[in-house]
Amino acid sequence: MNENIDKDNSLADLLDEDTAEIKEGMDPKERPDEYTFHIGKLEHTIAQYYYKQDQDLTDNDVEMRLFNIMFHLENKISYFSHPLELSIIATMTEVFKKRPLTLSEFEFVLDYVIKSVENRSWLPGKRAYLNWICYFLRMLEPEDEEKYVKSIKRKAK
C-alpha cells in the first residue's frame, strides 16, 4: 500500500461531502458517463491484481471485497487487510486527488462495478468477470487471449 496514505483516516475522510444537488435527490445513476474515469481505474486495479498477483481470486472474492469497502467507508483505512482491498484503496486515494468524488458518488462507482461482476454470472466459471475485464482491458498475454476467445465462442454456440 502507498506509504503516503494515512491509515488513521477513513475513506470517507478522503471524499467530498455530498452536494446540495445530490442531497436534493440527484442520482449519480442518471449520469454514469461522468464516472467512467473512476470506474475504469477501479476495474483496472481489480484486473491487474487478479492477472499479475492472484489468479486464485474469484468473482465472488471481488464482490466481497467491494462490499466490504462500501460498508466500511467510515472505518480507518487500517481496518482493511486483504491485498485487493489495499490495492483498490491505494489507487482510489490517488484518483480522488485528481478527480474528487462525494460519498454518494463513490458508493455509486463501487455499486456499478459490483453489478458488472454480477452481470457476468450467466457465463460459467468462478472468474467470468475477472477474465472478461482482463480481456476488455487488453491485459491478457496472446495465448491467454486466444484461450479466452475460444471459450466464449464455444459458450455462444
N, C-alpha and C. Protein backbone atom coordinates (compact mmCIF):
# COMPACT_ATOMS: atom_id res chain seq x y z
N MET A 1 0.85 -1.18 0.00
CA MET A 1 0.00 0.00 0.00
C MET A 1 0.89 1.23 0.00
N ASN A 2 0.38 2.29 -0.58
CA ASN A 2 1.09 3.56 -0.65
C ASN A 2 1.39 4.06 0.76
N GLU A 3 2.66 4.31 1.02
CA GLU A 3 3.06 4.75 2.36
C GLU A 3 2.58 6.16 2.69
N ASN A 4 2.16 6.93 1.67
CA ASN A 4 1.68 8.29 1.89
C ASN A 4 0.24 8.33 2.40
N ILE A 5 -0.40 7.19 2.44
CA ILE A 5 -1.79 7.14 2.88
C ILE A 5 -1.81 7.07 4.40
N ASP A 6 -2.55 7.97 5.00
CA ASP A 6 -2.70 7.98 6.45
C ASP A 6 -3.74 6.92 6.82
N LYS A 7 -3.27 5.84 7.43
CA LYS A 7 -4.15 4.73 7.75
C LYS A 7 -5.11 5.04 8.90
N ASP A 8 -4.90 6.19 9.54
CA ASP A 8 -5.83 6.61 10.59
C ASP A 8 -7.03 7.36 10.02
N ASN A 9 -6.95 7.73 8.75
CA ASN A 9 -8.09 8.32 8.05
C ASN A 9 -9.03 7.21 7.60
N SER A 10 -10.24 7.58 7.33
CA SER A 10 -11.17 6.66 6.68
C SER A 10 -11.26 7.05 5.21
N LEU A 11 -11.80 6.17 4.40
CA LEU A 11 -12.04 6.55 3.01
C LEU A 11 -13.03 7.70 2.94
N ALA A 12 -13.99 7.70 3.84
CA ALA A 12 -14.98 8.79 3.86
C ALA A 12 -14.30 10.15 4.08
N ASP A 13 -13.19 10.16 4.85
CA ASP A 13 -12.45 11.40 5.08
C ASP A 13 -11.84 11.95 3.79
N LEU A 14 -11.59 11.08 2.84
CA LEU A 14 -10.95 11.47 1.58
C LEU A 14 -11.96 11.91 0.52
N LEU A 15 -13.23 11.74 0.83
CA LEU A 15 -14.29 12.07 -0.12
C LEU A 15 -14.91 13.42 0.23
N ASP A 16 -15.40 14.09 -0.79
CA ASP A 16 -16.10 15.35 -0.58
C ASP A 16 -17.47 15.07 0.02
N GLU A 17 -18.03 16.10 0.64
CA GLU A 17 -19.39 15.97 1.14
C GLU A 17 -20.34 15.97 -0.04
N ASP A 18 -21.45 15.29 0.14
CA ASP A 18 -22.46 15.30 -0.92
C ASP A 18 -22.91 16.73 -1.18
N THR A 19 -23.08 17.04 -2.44
CA THR A 19 -23.50 18.39 -2.83
C THR A 19 -24.99 18.57 -2.54
N ALA A 20 -25.43 19.80 -2.59
CA ALA A 20 -26.86 20.09 -2.41
C ALA A 20 -27.68 19.36 -3.46
N GLU A 21 -27.14 19.29 -4.68
CA GLU A 21 -27.83 18.60 -5.77
C GLU A 21 -28.06 17.13 -5.43
N ILE A 22 -27.04 16.49 -4.89
CA ILE A 22 -27.17 15.08 -4.52
C ILE A 22 -28.10 14.93 -3.32
N LYS A 23 -27.96 15.82 -2.35
CA LYS A 23 -28.83 15.76 -1.17
C LYS A 23 -30.29 15.98 -1.54
N GLU A 24 -30.54 16.75 -2.61
CA GLU A 24 -31.91 17.03 -3.04
C GLU A 24 -32.46 15.93 -3.95
N GLY A 25 -31.70 14.89 -4.16
CA GLY A 25 -32.24 13.77 -4.89
C GLY A 25 -31.62 13.46 -6.23
N MET A 26 -30.59 14.23 -6.66
CA MET A 26 -29.92 13.88 -7.91
C MET A 26 -29.24 12.53 -7.70
N ASP A 27 -29.46 11.67 -8.62
CA ASP A 27 -28.93 10.32 -8.52
C ASP A 27 -27.75 10.17 -9.47
N PRO A 28 -26.55 9.79 -8.96
CA PRO A 28 -25.42 9.58 -9.86
C PRO A 28 -25.72 8.58 -10.97
N LYS A 29 -26.69 7.69 -10.72
CA LYS A 29 -27.05 6.68 -11.72
C LYS A 29 -27.63 7.32 -12.98
N GLU A 30 -28.10 8.56 -12.84
CA GLU A 30 -28.65 9.26 -14.00
C GLU A 30 -27.55 9.77 -14.93
N ARG A 31 -26.30 9.80 -14.44
CA ARG A 31 -25.18 10.32 -15.22
C ARG A 31 -23.97 9.40 -15.14
N PRO A 32 -24.11 8.14 -15.51
CA PRO A 32 -22.99 7.20 -15.34
C PRO A 32 -21.74 7.58 -16.14
N ASP A 33 -21.91 8.27 -17.26
CA ASP A 33 -20.76 8.64 -18.08
C ASP A 33 -19.80 9.57 -17.35
N GLU A 34 -20.29 10.29 -16.36
CA GLU A 34 -19.43 11.19 -15.59
C GLU A 34 -18.45 10.44 -14.69
N TYR A 35 -18.66 9.15 -14.52
CA TYR A 35 -17.85 8.38 -13.59
C TYR A 35 -16.99 7.33 -14.29
N THR A 36 -16.89 7.39 -15.61
CA THR A 36 -16.12 6.36 -16.33
C THR A 36 -14.65 6.36 -15.93
N PHE A 37 -14.09 7.52 -15.63
CA PHE A 37 -12.70 7.58 -15.20
C PHE A 37 -12.51 6.78 -13.91
N HIS A 38 -13.37 7.00 -12.93
CA HIS A 38 -13.27 6.32 -11.64
C HIS A 38 -13.55 4.83 -11.78
N ILE A 39 -14.59 4.50 -12.54
CA ILE A 39 -14.93 3.09 -12.76
C ILE A 39 -13.78 2.38 -13.46
N GLY A 40 -13.22 3.03 -14.47
CA GLY A 40 -12.10 2.45 -15.21
C GLY A 40 -10.89 2.20 -14.33
N LYS A 41 -10.57 3.15 -13.47
CA LYS A 41 -9.42 2.98 -12.56
C LYS A 41 -9.67 1.83 -11.59
N LEU A 42 -10.89 1.75 -11.08
CA LEU A 42 -11.24 0.67 -10.15
C LEU A 42 -11.15 -0.68 -10.84
N GLU A 43 -11.74 -0.79 -12.02
CA GLU A 43 -11.71 -2.08 -12.73
C GLU A 43 -10.30 -2.44 -13.18
N HIS A 44 -9.52 -1.47 -13.57
CA HIS A 44 -8.13 -1.74 -13.96
C HIS A 44 -7.35 -2.29 -12.77
N THR A 45 -7.57 -1.72 -11.60
CA THR A 45 -6.89 -2.18 -10.39
C THR A 45 -7.26 -3.63 -10.08
N ILE A 46 -8.54 -3.95 -10.19
CA ILE A 46 -9.00 -5.32 -9.94
C ILE A 46 -8.38 -6.28 -10.95
N ALA A 47 -8.43 -5.92 -12.22
CA ALA A 47 -7.89 -6.79 -13.27
C ALA A 47 -6.39 -7.01 -13.09
N GLN A 48 -5.68 -5.93 -12.83
CA GLN A 48 -4.23 -6.05 -12.66
C GLN A 48 -3.89 -6.90 -11.45
N TYR A 49 -4.60 -6.71 -10.35
CA TYR A 49 -4.36 -7.51 -9.16
C TYR A 49 -4.58 -9.00 -9.47
N TYR A 50 -5.69 -9.30 -10.12
CA TYR A 50 -6.00 -10.70 -10.46
C TYR A 50 -4.96 -11.29 -11.40
N TYR A 51 -4.68 -10.61 -12.49
CA TYR A 51 -3.84 -11.19 -13.54
C TYR A 51 -2.36 -11.25 -13.14
N LYS A 52 -1.91 -10.28 -12.37
CA LYS A 52 -0.48 -10.21 -12.03
C LYS A 52 -0.14 -10.76 -10.65
N GLN A 53 -1.14 -10.81 -9.74
CA GLN A 53 -0.80 -11.17 -8.37
C GLN A 53 -1.54 -12.37 -7.80
N ASP A 54 -2.79 -12.59 -8.21
CA ASP A 54 -3.57 -13.63 -7.53
C ASP A 54 -4.59 -14.25 -8.48
N GLN A 55 -4.17 -15.25 -9.25
CA GLN A 55 -5.09 -15.87 -10.20
C GLN A 55 -6.01 -16.89 -9.53
N ASP A 56 -5.92 -17.01 -8.22
CA ASP A 56 -6.89 -17.82 -7.48
C ASP A 56 -8.11 -17.00 -7.08
N LEU A 57 -8.03 -15.69 -7.25
CA LEU A 57 -9.14 -14.79 -6.94
C LEU A 57 -10.36 -15.18 -7.76
N THR A 58 -11.55 -15.06 -7.18
CA THR A 58 -12.79 -15.37 -7.90
C THR A 58 -13.67 -14.12 -7.97
N ASP A 59 -14.68 -14.19 -8.82
CA ASP A 59 -15.64 -13.09 -8.91
C ASP A 59 -16.29 -12.84 -7.55
N ASN A 60 -16.60 -13.92 -6.84
CA ASN A 60 -17.20 -13.79 -5.51
C ASN A 60 -16.27 -13.04 -4.56
N ASP A 61 -14.97 -13.33 -4.63
CA ASP A 61 -14.00 -12.61 -3.80
C ASP A 61 -14.04 -11.11 -4.10
N VAL A 62 -14.11 -10.77 -5.39
CA VAL A 62 -14.15 -9.36 -5.79
C VAL A 62 -15.39 -8.69 -5.20
N GLU A 63 -16.54 -9.34 -5.36
CA GLU A 63 -17.78 -8.78 -4.80
C GLU A 63 -17.66 -8.57 -3.29
N MET A 64 -17.13 -9.56 -2.59
CA MET A 64 -16.99 -9.46 -1.13
C MET A 64 -16.09 -8.29 -0.75
N ARG A 65 -14.99 -8.13 -1.46
CA ARG A 65 -14.05 -7.04 -1.16
C ARG A 65 -14.69 -5.68 -1.43
N LEU A 66 -15.41 -5.56 -2.54
CA LEU A 66 -16.06 -4.29 -2.88
C LEU A 66 -17.16 -3.95 -1.87
N PHE A 67 -17.95 -4.96 -1.49
CA PHE A 67 -18.97 -4.74 -0.46
C PHE A 67 -18.31 -4.34 0.87
N ASN A 68 -17.22 -4.99 1.21
CA ASN A 68 -16.53 -4.67 2.46
C ASN A 68 -16.07 -3.21 2.47
N ILE A 69 -15.53 -2.76 1.36
CA ILE A 69 -15.12 -1.36 1.26
C ILE A 69 -16.34 -0.45 1.37
N MET A 70 -17.40 -0.77 0.63
CA MET A 70 -18.59 0.07 0.61
C MET A 70 -19.22 0.20 2.00
N PHE A 71 -19.29 -0.90 2.72
CA PHE A 71 -19.97 -0.89 4.02
C PHE A 71 -19.08 -0.39 5.16
N HIS A 72 -17.80 -0.16 4.87
CA HIS A 72 -16.88 0.28 5.92
C HIS A 72 -16.12 1.55 5.52
N LEU A 73 -16.76 2.40 4.76
CA LEU A 73 -16.12 3.65 4.32
C LEU A 73 -15.75 4.55 5.50
N GLU A 74 -16.46 4.42 6.60
CA GLU A 74 -16.21 5.25 7.78
C GLU A 74 -15.10 4.67 8.67
N ASN A 75 -14.73 3.41 8.44
CA ASN A 75 -13.66 2.80 9.25
C ASN A 75 -12.31 3.36 8.82
N LYS A 76 -11.37 3.31 9.76
CA LYS A 76 -10.00 3.70 9.42
C LYS A 76 -9.48 2.79 8.31
N ILE A 77 -8.62 3.33 7.49
CA ILE A 77 -8.04 2.54 6.40
C ILE A 77 -7.29 1.33 6.97
N SER A 78 -6.75 1.46 8.17
CA SER A 78 -6.04 0.33 8.80
C SER A 78 -6.95 -0.86 9.04
N TYR A 79 -8.27 -0.67 8.99
CA TYR A 79 -9.24 -1.76 9.15
C TYR A 79 -9.09 -2.79 8.03
N PHE A 80 -8.76 -2.33 6.83
CA PHE A 80 -8.71 -3.21 5.66
C PHE A 80 -7.40 -3.99 5.63
N SER A 81 -7.51 -5.29 5.32
CA SER A 81 -6.31 -6.12 5.33
C SER A 81 -6.11 -6.94 4.07
N HIS A 82 -7.15 -7.21 3.32
CA HIS A 82 -7.00 -8.03 2.12
C HIS A 82 -6.19 -7.25 1.08
N PRO A 83 -5.23 -7.91 0.45
CA PRO A 83 -4.39 -7.21 -0.53
C PRO A 83 -5.17 -6.53 -1.66
N LEU A 84 -6.28 -7.12 -2.09
CA LEU A 84 -7.08 -6.46 -3.14
C LEU A 84 -7.69 -5.18 -2.60
N GLU A 85 -8.22 -5.22 -1.39
CA GLU A 85 -8.78 -4.01 -0.79
C GLU A 85 -7.71 -2.92 -0.68
N LEU A 86 -6.53 -3.30 -0.24
CA LEU A 86 -5.44 -2.33 -0.08
C LEU A 86 -5.02 -1.75 -1.42
N SER A 87 -5.01 -2.58 -2.43
CA SER A 87 -4.66 -2.11 -3.78
C SER A 87 -5.71 -1.13 -4.30
N ILE A 88 -6.97 -1.46 -4.09
CA ILE A 88 -8.07 -0.58 -4.50
C ILE A 88 -7.98 0.75 -3.76
N ILE A 89 -7.76 0.70 -2.46
CA ILE A 89 -7.67 1.92 -1.66
C ILE A 89 -6.51 2.79 -2.11
N ALA A 90 -5.35 2.17 -2.35
CA ALA A 90 -4.19 2.94 -2.81
C ALA A 90 -4.48 3.64 -4.13
N THR A 91 -5.08 2.92 -5.06
CA THR A 91 -5.41 3.50 -6.36
C THR A 91 -6.43 4.62 -6.22
N MET A 92 -7.50 4.33 -5.50
CA MET A 92 -8.59 5.30 -5.44
C MET A 92 -8.21 6.56 -4.66
N THR A 93 -7.34 6.45 -3.67
CA THR A 93 -6.92 7.67 -2.97
C THR A 93 -6.14 8.59 -3.90
N GLU A 94 -5.36 8.02 -4.80
CA GLU A 94 -4.67 8.83 -5.81
C GLU A 94 -5.67 9.43 -6.80
N VAL A 95 -6.66 8.64 -7.18
CA VAL A 95 -7.69 9.11 -8.10
C VAL A 95 -8.48 10.27 -7.48
N PHE A 96 -8.81 10.15 -6.20
CA PHE A 96 -9.58 11.20 -5.52
C PHE A 96 -8.83 12.53 -5.52
N LYS A 97 -7.49 12.48 -5.50
CA LYS A 97 -6.70 13.72 -5.53
C LYS A 97 -6.85 14.43 -6.87
N LYS A 98 -6.96 13.64 -7.94
CA LYS A 98 -7.09 14.21 -9.29
C LYS A 98 -8.52 14.58 -9.62
N ARG A 99 -9.42 13.69 -9.24
CA ARG A 99 -10.85 13.88 -9.54
C ARG A 99 -11.67 13.50 -8.31
N PRO A 100 -11.91 14.44 -7.44
CA PRO A 100 -12.64 14.14 -6.20
C PRO A 100 -14.06 13.63 -6.48
N LEU A 101 -14.53 12.84 -5.55
CA LEU A 101 -15.90 12.34 -5.57
C LEU A 101 -16.53 12.61 -4.22
N THR A 102 -17.85 12.63 -4.21
CA THR A 102 -18.58 12.67 -2.95
C THR A 102 -18.79 11.23 -2.48
N LEU A 103 -19.25 11.10 -1.26
CA LEU A 103 -19.53 9.78 -0.70
C LEU A 103 -20.54 9.02 -1.56
N SER A 104 -21.63 9.67 -1.91
CA SER A 104 -22.67 9.01 -2.74
C SER A 104 -22.13 8.62 -4.10
N GLU A 105 -21.29 9.46 -4.67
CA GLU A 105 -20.73 9.14 -5.98
C GLU A 105 -19.79 7.93 -5.91
N PHE A 106 -18.97 7.86 -4.86
CA PHE A 106 -18.08 6.71 -4.73
C PHE A 106 -18.88 5.44 -4.47
N GLU A 107 -19.93 5.53 -3.67
CA GLU A 107 -20.79 4.36 -3.47
C GLU A 107 -21.39 3.91 -4.80
N PHE A 108 -21.77 4.86 -5.65
CA PHE A 108 -22.29 4.52 -6.97
C PHE A 108 -21.22 3.78 -7.79
N VAL A 109 -19.98 4.27 -7.77
CA VAL A 109 -18.89 3.64 -8.52
C VAL A 109 -18.69 2.20 -8.04
N LEU A 110 -18.65 2.01 -6.74
CA LEU A 110 -18.49 0.65 -6.19
C LEU A 110 -19.66 -0.23 -6.61
N ASP A 111 -20.87 0.28 -6.47
CA ASP A 111 -22.07 -0.48 -6.83
C ASP A 111 -22.08 -0.81 -8.32
N TYR A 112 -21.64 0.10 -9.14
CA TYR A 112 -21.60 -0.12 -10.59
C TYR A 112 -20.69 -1.31 -10.92
N VAL A 113 -19.53 -1.36 -10.27
CA VAL A 113 -18.59 -2.46 -10.54
C VAL A 113 -19.14 -3.77 -9.96
N ILE A 114 -19.78 -3.71 -8.81
CA ILE A 114 -20.41 -4.92 -8.25
C ILE A 114 -21.44 -5.46 -9.24
N LYS A 115 -22.24 -4.59 -9.80
CA LYS A 115 -23.24 -5.03 -10.80
C LYS A 115 -22.57 -5.57 -12.06
N SER A 116 -21.44 -5.01 -12.41
CA SER A 116 -20.69 -5.52 -13.56
C SER A 116 -20.23 -6.95 -13.31
N VAL A 117 -19.79 -7.22 -12.09
CA VAL A 117 -19.40 -8.59 -11.72
C VAL A 117 -20.62 -9.50 -11.83
N GLU A 118 -21.73 -9.08 -11.25
CA GLU A 118 -22.96 -9.89 -11.25
C GLU A 118 -23.47 -10.11 -12.67
N ASN A 119 -23.30 -9.14 -13.55
CA ASN A 119 -23.79 -9.26 -14.92
C ASN A 119 -23.04 -10.31 -15.74
N ARG A 120 -21.93 -10.79 -15.24
CA ARG A 120 -21.19 -11.85 -15.94
C ARG A 120 -21.55 -13.23 -15.39
N SER A 121 -22.50 -13.29 -14.47
CA SER A 121 -22.83 -14.56 -13.82
C SER A 121 -23.45 -15.57 -14.77
N TRP A 122 -23.94 -15.13 -15.92
CA TRP A 122 -24.51 -16.06 -16.89
C TRP A 122 -23.42 -16.89 -17.56
N LEU A 123 -22.19 -16.42 -17.48
CA LEU A 123 -21.07 -17.19 -18.03
C LEU A 123 -20.64 -18.22 -16.99
N PRO A 124 -20.32 -19.42 -17.43
CA PRO A 124 -19.89 -20.43 -16.46
C PRO A 124 -18.51 -20.10 -15.89
N GLY A 125 -18.28 -20.60 -14.72
CA GLY A 125 -16.97 -20.44 -14.09
C GLY A 125 -16.99 -19.42 -12.97
N LYS A 126 -15.98 -19.51 -12.15
CA LYS A 126 -15.87 -18.65 -10.98
C LYS A 126 -15.17 -17.33 -11.28
N ARG A 127 -14.68 -17.18 -12.51
CA ARG A 127 -13.89 -16.00 -12.86
C ARG A 127 -14.38 -15.34 -14.15
N ALA A 128 -15.67 -15.39 -14.40
CA ALA A 128 -16.21 -14.84 -15.64
C ALA A 128 -15.93 -13.34 -15.76
N TYR A 129 -16.21 -12.59 -14.70
CA TYR A 129 -15.95 -11.15 -14.72
C TYR A 129 -14.45 -10.88 -14.83
N LEU A 130 -13.67 -11.55 -14.00
CA LEU A 130 -12.23 -11.30 -13.99
C LEU A 130 -11.59 -11.58 -15.35
N ASN A 131 -11.98 -12.69 -15.96
CA ASN A 131 -11.43 -12.99 -17.29
C ASN A 131 -11.90 -11.98 -18.32
N TRP A 132 -13.18 -11.60 -18.23
CA TRP A 132 -13.72 -10.62 -19.18
C TRP A 132 -13.02 -9.27 -19.04
N ILE A 133 -12.85 -8.78 -17.81
CA ILE A 133 -12.25 -7.45 -17.63
C ILE A 133 -10.80 -7.45 -18.07
N CYS A 134 -10.09 -8.53 -17.84
CA CYS A 134 -8.70 -8.61 -18.34
C CYS A 134 -8.68 -8.60 -19.86
N TYR A 135 -9.62 -9.30 -20.47
CA TYR A 135 -9.72 -9.30 -21.93
C TYR A 135 -10.10 -7.90 -22.43
N PHE A 136 -11.11 -7.31 -21.84
CA PHE A 136 -11.60 -6.00 -22.24
C PHE A 136 -10.50 -4.93 -22.15
N LEU A 137 -9.68 -5.01 -21.11
CA LEU A 137 -8.61 -4.03 -20.91
C LEU A 137 -7.32 -4.42 -21.64
N ARG A 138 -7.39 -5.49 -22.41
CA ARG A 138 -6.26 -5.96 -23.21
C ARG A 138 -5.01 -6.26 -22.36
N MET A 139 -5.25 -6.92 -21.25
CA MET A 139 -4.16 -7.29 -20.34
C MET A 139 -3.63 -8.69 -20.60
N LEU A 140 -4.43 -9.49 -21.30
CA LEU A 140 -4.08 -10.90 -21.47
C LEU A 140 -2.89 -11.08 -22.40
N GLU A 141 -2.06 -12.04 -22.05
CA GLU A 141 -0.99 -12.46 -22.95
C GLU A 141 -1.67 -13.11 -24.16
N PRO A 142 -1.02 -13.12 -25.32
CA PRO A 142 -1.67 -13.65 -26.54
C PRO A 142 -2.26 -15.05 -26.38
N GLU A 143 -1.54 -15.94 -25.71
CA GLU A 143 -2.07 -17.30 -25.56
C GLU A 143 -3.29 -17.33 -24.63
N ASP A 144 -3.29 -16.49 -23.60
CA ASP A 144 -4.45 -16.41 -22.71
C ASP A 144 -5.64 -15.78 -23.43
N GLU A 145 -5.37 -14.78 -24.25
CA GLU A 145 -6.45 -14.13 -25.01
C GLU A 145 -7.07 -15.13 -25.99
N GLU A 146 -6.24 -15.90 -26.66
CA GLU A 146 -6.75 -16.90 -27.61
C GLU A 146 -7.62 -17.93 -26.89
N LYS A 147 -7.17 -18.38 -25.73
CA LYS A 147 -7.93 -19.35 -24.93
C LYS A 147 -9.27 -18.75 -24.50
N TYR A 148 -9.26 -17.49 -24.08
CA TYR A 148 -10.48 -16.82 -23.64
C TYR A 148 -11.47 -16.70 -24.80
N VAL A 149 -11.01 -16.24 -25.94
CA VAL A 149 -11.88 -16.07 -27.11
C VAL A 149 -12.49 -17.41 -27.52
N LYS A 150 -11.69 -18.46 -27.53
CA LYS A 150 -12.20 -19.79 -27.88
C LYS A 150 -13.29 -20.23 -26.90
N SER A 151 -13.06 -19.99 -25.62
CA SER A 151 -14.05 -20.42 -24.62
C SER A 151 -15.36 -19.65 -24.78
N ILE A 152 -15.29 -18.38 -25.11
CA ILE A 152 -16.51 -17.58 -25.32
C ILE A 152 -17.24 -18.05 -26.57
N LYS A 153 -16.50 -18.34 -27.62
CA LYS A 153 -17.13 -18.82 -28.86
C LYS A 153 -17.84 -20.16 -28.62
N ARG A 154 -17.22 -21.04 -27.82
CA ARG A 154 -17.85 -22.33 -27.50
C ARG A 154 -19.15 -22.11 -26.74
N LYS A 155 -19.14 -21.17 -25.81
CA LYS A 155 -20.33 -20.91 -25.00
C LYS A 155 -21.43 -20.25 -25.80
N ALA A 156 -21.05 -19.54 -26.85
CA ALA A 156 -22.03 -18.81 -27.67
C ALA A 156 -22.77 -19.73 -28.64
N LYS A 157 -22.26 -20.92 -28.85
CA LYS A 157 -22.89 -21.84 -29.81
C LYS A 157 -24.15 -22.45 -29.26
